[in-house]
Amino acid sequence: MHAQLLGKVRRNGTSKAGKAYDFTACSVSYSAFGVEGVQVSEVLVDARMIQFDALKVGDHYDFDYDSKGNLLNVFIED
């Protein structure tokens, strides 16, 4: 999915179950069939894929998913 980053927030800590988590919640916009204007969505990106500081608001990214909808990788678009 080719998308523009509109905003981001880092979430990290330990869950109530004692499991550590570290991810970035990315608000993105992208073109979608049948939508007048743009579609917006939130994408959760594991910190091991790309560092929070490497994501720049306003830049374009390619979010790569598998056939089950799991995020595989994030690529910076030029």
PDB file of N, CA and C in Angstrom:
ATOM      1  N   MET A   1       0.851  -1.164   0.000  1.00  0.00           N
ATOM      2  CA  MET A   1       0.000   0.000   0.000  1.00  0.00           C
ATOM      3  C   MET A   1       0.900   1.232   0.000  1.00  0.00           C
ATOM      4  N   HIS A   2       0.739   2.077  -0.984  1.00  0.00           N
ATOM      5  CA  HIS A   2       1.478   3.335  -1.048  1.00  0.00           C
ATOM      6  C   HIS A   2       0.678   4.374  -0.260  1.00  0.00           C
ATOM      7  N   ALA A   3       1.321   5.013   0.718  1.00  0.00           N
ATOM      8  CA  ALA A   3       0.597   5.928   1.592  1.00  0.00           C
ATOM      9  C   ALA A   3       1.477   7.091   2.029  1.00  0.00           C
ATOM     10  N   GLN A   4       0.809   8.179   2.413  1.00  0.00           N
ATOM     11  CA  GLN A   4       1.498   9.341   2.967  1.00  0.00           C
ATOM     12  C   GLN A   4       1.296   9.332   4.478  1.00  0.00           C
ATOM     13  N   LEU A   5       2.373   9.558   5.217  1.00  0.00           N
ATOM     14  CA  LEU A   5       2.309   9.580   6.674  1.00  0.00           C
ATOM     15  C   LEU A   5       1.755  10.928   7.138  1.00  0.00           C
ATOM     16  N   LEU A   6       0.625  10.883   7.846  1.00  0.00           N
ATOM     17  CA  LEU A   6      -0.024  12.096   8.343  1.00  0.00           C
ATOM     18  C   LEU A   6       0.353  12.402   9.790  1.00  0.00           C
ATOM     19  N   GLY A   7       0.643  11.355  10.560  1.00  0.00           N
ATOM     20  CA  GLY A   7       0.987  11.523  11.965  1.00  0.00           C
ATOM     21  C   GLY A   7       1.516  10.213  12.526  1.00  0.00           C
ATOM     22  N   LYS A   8       2.157  10.291  13.693  1.00  0.00           N
ATOM     23  CA  LYS A   8       2.730   9.087  14.301  1.00  0.00           C
ATOM     24  C   LYS A   8       2.803   9.263  15.805  1.00  0.00           C
ATOM     25  N   VAL A   9       2.748   8.127  16.520  1.00  0.00           N
ATOM     26  CA  VAL A   9       2.914   8.127  17.966  1.00  0.00           C
ATOM     27  C   VAL A   9       3.578   6.806  18.347  1.00  0.00           C
ATOM     28  N   ARG A  10       4.554   6.888  19.241  1.00  0.00           N
ATOM     29  CA  ARG A  10       5.261   5.680  19.676  1.00  0.00           C
ATOM     30  C   ARG A  10       4.585   5.121  20.912  1.00  0.00           C
ATOM     31  N   ARG A  11       4.373   3.817  20.907  1.00  0.00           N
ATOM     32  CA  ARG A  11       3.789   3.110  22.047  1.00  0.00           C
ATOM     33  C   ARG A  11       4.769   2.027  22.480  1.00  0.00           C
ATOM     34  N   ASN A  12       5.229   2.098  23.712  1.00  0.00           N
ATOM     35  CA  ASN A  12       6.120   1.058  24.230  1.00  0.00           C
ATOM     36  C   ASN A  12       5.912   0.899  25.724  1.00  0.00           C
ATOM     37  N   GLY A  13       6.226  -0.287  26.194  1.00  0.00           N
ATOM     38  CA  GLY A  13       6.055  -0.581  27.607  1.00  0.00           C
ATOM     39  C   GLY A  13       5.863  -2.067  27.821  1.00  0.00           C
ATOM     40  N   THR A  14       5.141  -2.395  28.885  1.00  0.00           N
ATOM     41  CA  THR A  14       4.861  -3.783  29.229  1.00  0.00           C
ATOM     42  C   THR A  14       3.359  -3.934  29.427  1.00  0.00           C
ATOM     43  N   SER A  15       2.792  -4.961  28.799  1.00  0.00           N
ATOM     44  CA  SER A  15       1.354  -5.208  28.912  1.00  0.00           C
ATOM     45  C   SER A  15       1.007  -5.736  30.304  1.00  0.00           C
ATOM     46  N   LYS A  16      -0.292  -5.791  30.610  1.00  0.00           N
ATOM     47  CA  LYS A  16      -0.739  -6.337  31.897  1.00  0.00           C
ATOM     48  C   LYS A  16      -0.339  -7.801  32.043  1.00  0.00           C
ATOM     49  N   ALA A  17      -0.185  -8.480  30.886  1.00  0.00           N
ATOM     50  CA  ALA A  17       0.228  -9.887  30.895  1.00  0.00           C
ATOM     51  C   ALA A  17       1.741 -10.038  31.045  1.00  0.00           C
ATOM     52  N   GLY A  18       2.466  -8.909  31.102  1.00  0.00           N
ATOM     53  CA  GLY A  18       3.909  -8.948  31.296  1.00  0.00           C
ATOM     54  C   GLY A  18       4.721  -9.026  30.013  1.00  0.00           C
ATOM     55  N   LYS A  19       4.068  -8.854  28.855  1.00  0.00           N
ATOM     56  CA  LYS A  19       4.780  -8.904  27.575  1.00  0.00           C
ATOM     57  C   LYS A  19       5.219  -7.501  27.158  1.00  0.00           C
ATOM     58  N   ALA A  20       6.478  -7.390  26.756  1.00  0.00           N
ATOM     59  CA  ALA A  20       7.004  -6.098  26.284  1.00  0.00           C
ATOM     60  C   ALA A  20       6.461  -5.797  24.898  1.00  0.00           C
ATOM     61  N   TYR A  21       6.188  -4.510  24.623  1.00  0.00           N
ATOM     62  CA  TYR A  21       5.766  -4.077  23.296  1.00  0.00           C
ATOM     63  C   TYR A  21       6.453  -2.764  22.942  1.00  0.00           C
ATOM     64  N   ASP A  22       6.665  -2.568  21.644  1.00  0.00           N
ATOM     65  CA  ASP A  22       7.298  -1.349  21.137  1.00  0.00           C
ATOM     66  C   ASP A  22       6.900  -1.219  19.668  1.00  0.00           C
ATOM     67  N   PHE A  23       6.015  -0.265  19.374  1.00  0.00           N
ATOM     68  CA  PHE A  23       5.565  -0.063  18.006  1.00  0.00           C
ATOM     69  C   PHE A  23       5.217   1.403  17.778  1.00  0.00           C
ATOM     70  N   THR A  24       5.069   1.767  16.519  1.00  0.00           N
ATOM     71  CA  THR A  24       4.645   3.107  16.136  1.00  0.00           C
ATOM     72  C   THR A  24       3.282   3.011  15.479  1.00  0.00           C
ATOM     73  N   ALA A  25       2.324   3.776  15.986  1.00  0.00           N
ATOM     74  CA  ALA A  25       1.009   3.871  15.370  1.00  0.00           C
ATOM     75  C   ALA A  25       1.082   5.004  14.339  1.00  0.00           C
ATOM     76  N   CYS A  26       0.941   4.652  13.067  1.00  0.00           N
ATOM     77  CA  CYS A  26       1.062   5.610  11.971  1.00  0.00           C
ATOM     78  C   CYS A  26      -0.311   5.925  11.385  1.00  0.00           C
ATOM     79  N   SER A  27      -0.670   7.188  11.333  1.00  0.00           N
ATOM     80  CA  SER A  27      -1.880   7.616  10.635  1.00  0.00           C
ATOM     81  C   SER A  27      -1.464   7.925   9.206  1.00  0.00           C
ATOM     82  N   VAL A  28      -2.125   7.257   8.238  1.00  0.00           N
ATOM     83  CA  VAL A  28      -1.733   7.390   6.835  1.00  0.00           C
ATOM     84  C   VAL A  28      -2.948   7.677   5.958  1.00  0.00           C
ATOM     85  N   SER A  29      -2.687   8.245   4.776  1.00  0.00           N
ATOM     86  CA  SER A  29      -3.731   8.437   3.768  1.00  0.00           C
ATOM     87  C   SER A  29      -3.263   7.796   2.470  1.00  0.00           C
ATOM     88  N   TYR A  30      -4.231   7.265   1.709  1.00  0.00           N
ATOM     89  CA  TYR A  30      -3.906   6.582   0.464  1.00  0.00           C
ATOM     90  C   TYR A  30      -5.117   6.589  -0.453  1.00  0.00           C
ATOM     91  N   SER A  31      -4.881   6.360  -1.734  1.00  0.00           N
ATOM     92  CA  SER A  31      -5.964   6.284  -2.714  1.00  0.00           C
ATOM     93  C   SER A  31      -6.644   4.932  -2.603  1.00  0.00           C
ATOM     94  N   ALA A  32      -7.961   4.920  -2.749  1.00  0.00           N
ATOM     95  CA  ALA A  32      -8.711   3.669  -2.701  1.00  0.00           C
ATOM     96  C   ALA A  32      -9.820   3.716  -3.744  1.00  0.00           C
ATOM     97  N   PHE A  33     -10.055   2.591  -4.392  1.00  0.00           N
ATOM     98  CA  PHE A  33     -11.093   2.501  -5.414  1.00  0.00           C
ATOM     99  C   PHE A  33     -12.461   2.843  -4.802  1.00  0.00           C
ATOM    100  N   GLY A  34     -13.189   3.709  -5.478  1.00  0.00           N
ATOM    101  CA  GLY A  34     -14.524   4.078  -5.034  1.00  0.00           C
ATOM    102  C   GLY A  34     -14.576   5.183  -4.005  1.00  0.00           C
ATOM    103  N   VAL A  35     -13.419   5.678  -3.591  1.00  0.00           N
ATOM    104  CA  VAL A  35     -13.373   6.736  -2.580  1.00  0.00           C
ATOM    105  C   VAL A  35     -13.081   8.063  -3.272  1.00  0.00           C
ATOM    106  N   GLU A  36     -13.936   9.043  -3.028  1.00  0.00           N
ATOM    107  CA  GLU A  36     -13.682  10.384  -3.548  1.00  0.00           C
ATOM    108  C   GLU A  36     -12.760  11.069  -2.545  1.00  0.00           C
ATOM    109  N   GLY A  37     -11.588  11.477  -2.984  1.00  0.00           N
ATOM    110  CA  GLY A  37     -10.573  12.009  -2.085  1.00  0.00           C
ATOM    111  C   GLY A  37      -9.606  10.898  -1.707  1.00  0.00           C
ATOM    112  N   VAL A  38      -9.290  10.789  -0.421  1.00  0.00           N
ATOM    113  CA  VAL A  38      -8.364   9.746   0.036  1.00  0.00           C
ATOM    114  C   VAL A  38      -8.965   8.976   1.203  1.00  0.00           C
ATOM    115  N   GLN A  39      -8.506   7.759   1.370  1.00  0.00           N
ATOM    116  CA  GLN A  39      -8.865   6.904   2.509  1.00  0.00           C
ATOM    117  C   GLN A  39      -7.823   7.133   3.591  1.00  0.00           C
ATOM    118  N   VAL A  40      -8.227   7.086   4.858  1.00  0.00           N
ATOM    119  CA  VAL A  40      -7.263   7.204   5.955  1.00  0.00           C
ATOM    120  C   VAL A  40      -7.335   5.951   6.824  1.00  0.00           C
ATOM    121  N   SER A  41      -6.211   5.609   7.429  1.00  0.00           N
ATOM    122  CA  SER A  41      -6.129   4.394   8.227  1.00  0.00           C
ATOM    123  C   SER A  41      -4.998   4.531   9.235  1.00  0.00           C
ATOM    124  N   GLU A  42      -4.995   3.630  10.215  1.00  0.00           N
ATOM    125  CA  GLU A  42      -3.901   3.550  11.165  1.00  0.00           C
ATOM    126  C   GLU A  42      -3.145   2.249  10.917  1.00  0.00           C
ATOM    127  N   VAL A  43      -1.833   2.348  10.803  1.00  0.00           N
ATOM    128  CA  VAL A  43      -0.976   1.185  10.582  1.00  0.00           C
ATOM    129  C   VAL A  43      -0.052   1.062  11.790  1.00  0.00           C
ATOM    130  N   LEU A  44      -0.014  -0.132  12.386  1.00  0.00           N
ATOM    131  CA  LEU A  44       0.867  -0.377  13.526  1.00  0.00           C
ATOM    132  C   LEU A  44       2.158  -1.001  13.017  1.00  0.00           C
ATOM    133  N   VAL A  45       3.287  -0.311  13.257  1.00  0.00           N
ATOM    134  CA  VAL A  45       4.584  -0.732  12.737  1.00  0.00           C
ATOM    135  C   VAL A  45       5.500  -1.111  13.900  1.00  0.00           C
ATOM    136  N   ASP A  46       5.940  -2.354  13.917  1.00  0.00           N
ATOM    137  CA  ASP A  46       6.856  -2.840  14.949  1.00  0.00           C
ATOM    138  C   ASP A  46       8.158  -2.042  14.883  1.00  0.00           C
ATOM    139  N   ALA A  47       8.703  -1.674  16.038  1.00  0.00           N
ATOM    140  CA  ALA A  47       9.926  -0.870  16.103  1.00  0.00           C
ATOM    141  C   ALA A  47      11.122  -1.579  15.474  1.00  0.00           C
ATOM    142  N   ARG A  48      11.066  -2.917  15.350  1.00  0.00           N
ATOM    143  CA  ARG A  48      12.168  -3.650  14.714  1.00  0.00           C
ATOM    144  C   ARG A  48      12.174  -3.471  13.200  1.00  0.00           C
ATOM    145  N   MET A  49      11.049  -3.018  12.613  1.00  0.00           N
ATOM    146  CA  MET A  49      10.984  -2.802  11.167  1.00  0.00           C
ATOM    147  C   MET A  49      11.608  -1.471  10.763  1.00  0.00           C
ATOM    148  N   ILE A  50      11.249  -0.431  11.491  1.00  0.00           N
ATOM    149  CA  ILE A  50      11.769   0.909  11.193  1.00  0.00           C
ATOM    150  C   ILE A  50      11.684   1.739  12.472  1.00  0.00           C
ATOM    151  N   GLN A  51      12.718   2.499  12.742  1.00  0.00           N
ATOM    152  CA  GLN A  51      12.777   3.314  13.953  1.00  0.00           C
ATOM    153  C   GLN A  51      11.792   4.481  13.877  1.00  0.00           C
ATOM    154  N   PHE A  52      11.271   4.885  15.026  1.00  0.00           N
ATOM    155  CA  PHE A  52      10.315   5.991  15.120  1.00  0.00           C
ATOM    156  C   PHE A  52      10.863   7.251  14.450  1.00  0.00           C
ATOM    157  N   ASP A  53      12.116   7.590  14.739  1.00  0.00           N
ATOM    158  CA  ASP A  53      12.710   8.822  14.199  1.00  0.00           C
ATOM    159  C   ASP A  53      12.940   8.771  12.699  1.00  0.00           C
ATOM    160  N   ALA A  54      12.983   7.572  12.104  1.00  0.00           N
ATOM    161  CA  ALA A  54      13.178   7.443  10.662  1.00  0.00           C
ATOM    162  C   ALA A  54      11.894   7.736   9.886  1.00  0.00           C
ATOM    163  N   LEU A  55      10.746   7.668  10.548  1.00  0.00           N
ATOM    164  CA  LEU A  55       9.466   7.973   9.909  1.00  0.00           C
ATOM    165  C   LEU A  55       9.236   9.479   9.957  1.00  0.00           C
ATOM    166  N   LYS A  56       9.078  10.090   8.801  1.00  0.00           N
ATOM    167  CA  LYS A  56       8.912  11.543   8.705  1.00  0.00           C
ATOM    168  C   LYS A  56       7.501  11.876   8.238  1.00  0.00           C
ATOM    169  N   VAL A  57       6.801  12.677   9.025  1.00  0.00           N
ATOM    170  CA  VAL A  57       5.457  13.110   8.669  1.00  0.00           C
ATOM    171  C   VAL A  57       5.509  13.862   7.338  1.00  0.00           C
ATOM    172  N   GLY A  58       4.603  13.500   6.431  1.00  0.00           N
ATOM    173  CA  GLY A  58       4.544  14.116   5.112  1.00  0.00           C
ATOM    174  C   GLY A  58       5.222  13.292   4.035  1.00  0.00           C
ATOM    175  N   ASP A  59       6.121  12.367   4.429  1.00  0.00           N
ATOM    176  CA  ASP A  59       6.794  11.517   3.449  1.00  0.00           C
ATOM    177  C   ASP A  59       5.881  10.377   3.011  1.00  0.00           C
ATOM    178  N   HIS A  60       6.258   9.742   1.904  1.00  0.00           N
ATOM    179  CA  HIS A  60       5.487   8.640   1.334  1.00  0.00           C
ATOM    180  C   HIS A  60       6.192   7.314   1.616  1.00  0.00           C
ATOM    181  N   TYR A  61       5.387   6.291   1.945  1.00  0.00           N
ATOM    182  CA  TYR A  61       5.909   4.975   2.303  1.00  0.00           C
ATOM    183  C   TYR A  61       5.115   3.895   1.584  1.00  0.00           C
ATOM    184  N   ASP A  62       5.751   2.743   1.418  1.00  0.00           N
ATOM    185  CA  ASP A  62       5.085   1.570   0.872  1.00  0.00           C
ATOM    186  C   ASP A  62       5.004   0.546   1.994  1.00  0.00           C
ATOM    187  N   PHE A  63       3.784   0.239   2.442  1.00  0.00           N
ATOM    188  CA  PHE A  63       3.551  -0.745   3.486  1.00  0.00           C
ATOM    189  C   PHE A  63       3.263  -2.071   2.791  1.00  0.00           C
ATOM    190  N   ASP A  64       4.120  -3.053   3.025  1.00  0.00           N
ATOM    191  CA  ASP A  64       4.051  -4.348   2.343  1.00  0.00           C
ATOM    192  C   ASP A  64       3.366  -5.373   3.254  1.00  0.00           C
ATOM    193  N   TYR A  65       2.270  -5.975   2.755  1.00  0.00           N
ATOM    194  CA  TYR A  65       1.479  -6.937   3.522  1.00  0.00           C
ATOM    195  C   TYR A  65       1.529  -8.314   2.874  1.00  0.00           C
ATOM    196  N   ASP A  66       1.331  -9.364   3.686  1.00  0.00           N
ATOM    197  CA  ASP A  66       1.197 -10.709   3.125  1.00  0.00           C
ATOM    198  C   ASP A  66      -0.280 -10.963   2.799  1.00  0.00           C
ATOM    199  N   SER A  67      -0.590 -12.156   2.306  1.00  0.00           N
ATOM    200  CA  SER A  67      -1.954 -12.467   1.876  1.00  0.00           C
ATOM    201  C   SER A  67      -2.948 -12.517   3.037  1.00  0.00           C
ATOM    202  N   LYS A  68      -2.460 -12.593   4.265  1.00  0.00           N
ATOM    203  CA  LYS A  68      -3.339 -12.613   5.439  1.00  0.00           C
ATOM    204  C   LYS A  68      -3.507 -11.238   6.069  1.00  0.00           C
ATOM    205  N   GLY A  69      -2.874 -10.213   5.483  1.00  0.00           N
ATOM    206  CA  GLY A  69      -2.994  -8.862   5.994  1.00  0.00           C
ATOM    207  C   GLY A  69      -1.981  -8.486   7.053  1.00  0.00           C
ATOM    208  N   ASN A  70      -0.974  -9.322   7.263  1.00  0.00           N
ATOM    209  CA  ASN A  70       0.081  -9.008   8.232  1.00  0.00           C
ATOM    210  C   ASN A  70       1.124  -8.096   7.592  1.00  0.00           C
ATOM    211  N   LEU A  71       1.540  -7.070   8.314  1.00  0.00           N
ATOM    212  CA  LEU A  71       2.558  -6.153   7.811  1.00  0.00           C
ATOM    213  C   LEU A  71       3.906  -6.866   7.770  1.00  0.00           C
ATOM    214  N   LEU A  72       4.535  -6.863   6.593  1.00  0.00           N
ATOM    215  CA  LEU A  72       5.823  -7.526   6.417  1.00  0.00           C
ATOM    216  C   LEU A  72       6.994  -6.565   6.495  1.00  0.00           C
ATOM    217  N   ASN A  73       6.828  -5.353   5.919  1.00  0.00           N
ATOM    218  CA  ASN A  73       7.928  -4.406   5.876  1.00  0.00           C
ATOM    219  C   ASN A  73       7.404  -3.023   5.508  1.00  0.00           C
ATOM    220  N   VAL A  74       8.232  -2.016   5.750  1.00  0.00           N
ATOM    221  CA  VAL A  74       7.936  -0.641   5.390  1.00  0.00           C
ATOM    222  C   VAL A  74       9.096  -0.117   4.563  1.00  0.00           C
ATOM    223  N   PHE A  75       8.774   0.438   3.397  1.00  0.00           N
ATOM    224  CA  PHE A  75       9.807   0.988   2.510  1.00  0.00           C
ATOM    225  C   PHE A  75       9.578   2.481   2.338  1.00  0.00           C
ATOM    226  N   ILE A  76      10.660   3.252   2.385  1.00  0.00           N
ATOM    227  CA  ILE A  76      10.587   4.692   2.155  1.00  0.00           C
ATOM    228  C   ILE A  76      10.543   4.918   0.651  1.00  0.00           C
ATOM    229  N   GLU A  77       9.580   5.731   0.198  1.00  0.00           N
ATOM    230  CA  GLU A  77       9.434   6.032  -1.229  1.00  0.00           C
ATOM    231  C   GLU A  77      10.105   7.380  -1.523  1.00  0.00           C
ATOM    232  N   ASP A  78      10.708   7.466  -2.700  1.00  0.00           N
ATOM    233  CA  ASP A  78      11.334   8.740  -3.120  1.00  0.00           C
ATOM    234  C   ASP A  78      10.357   9.575  -3.887  1.00  0.00           C
TER     235      ASP A  78
END
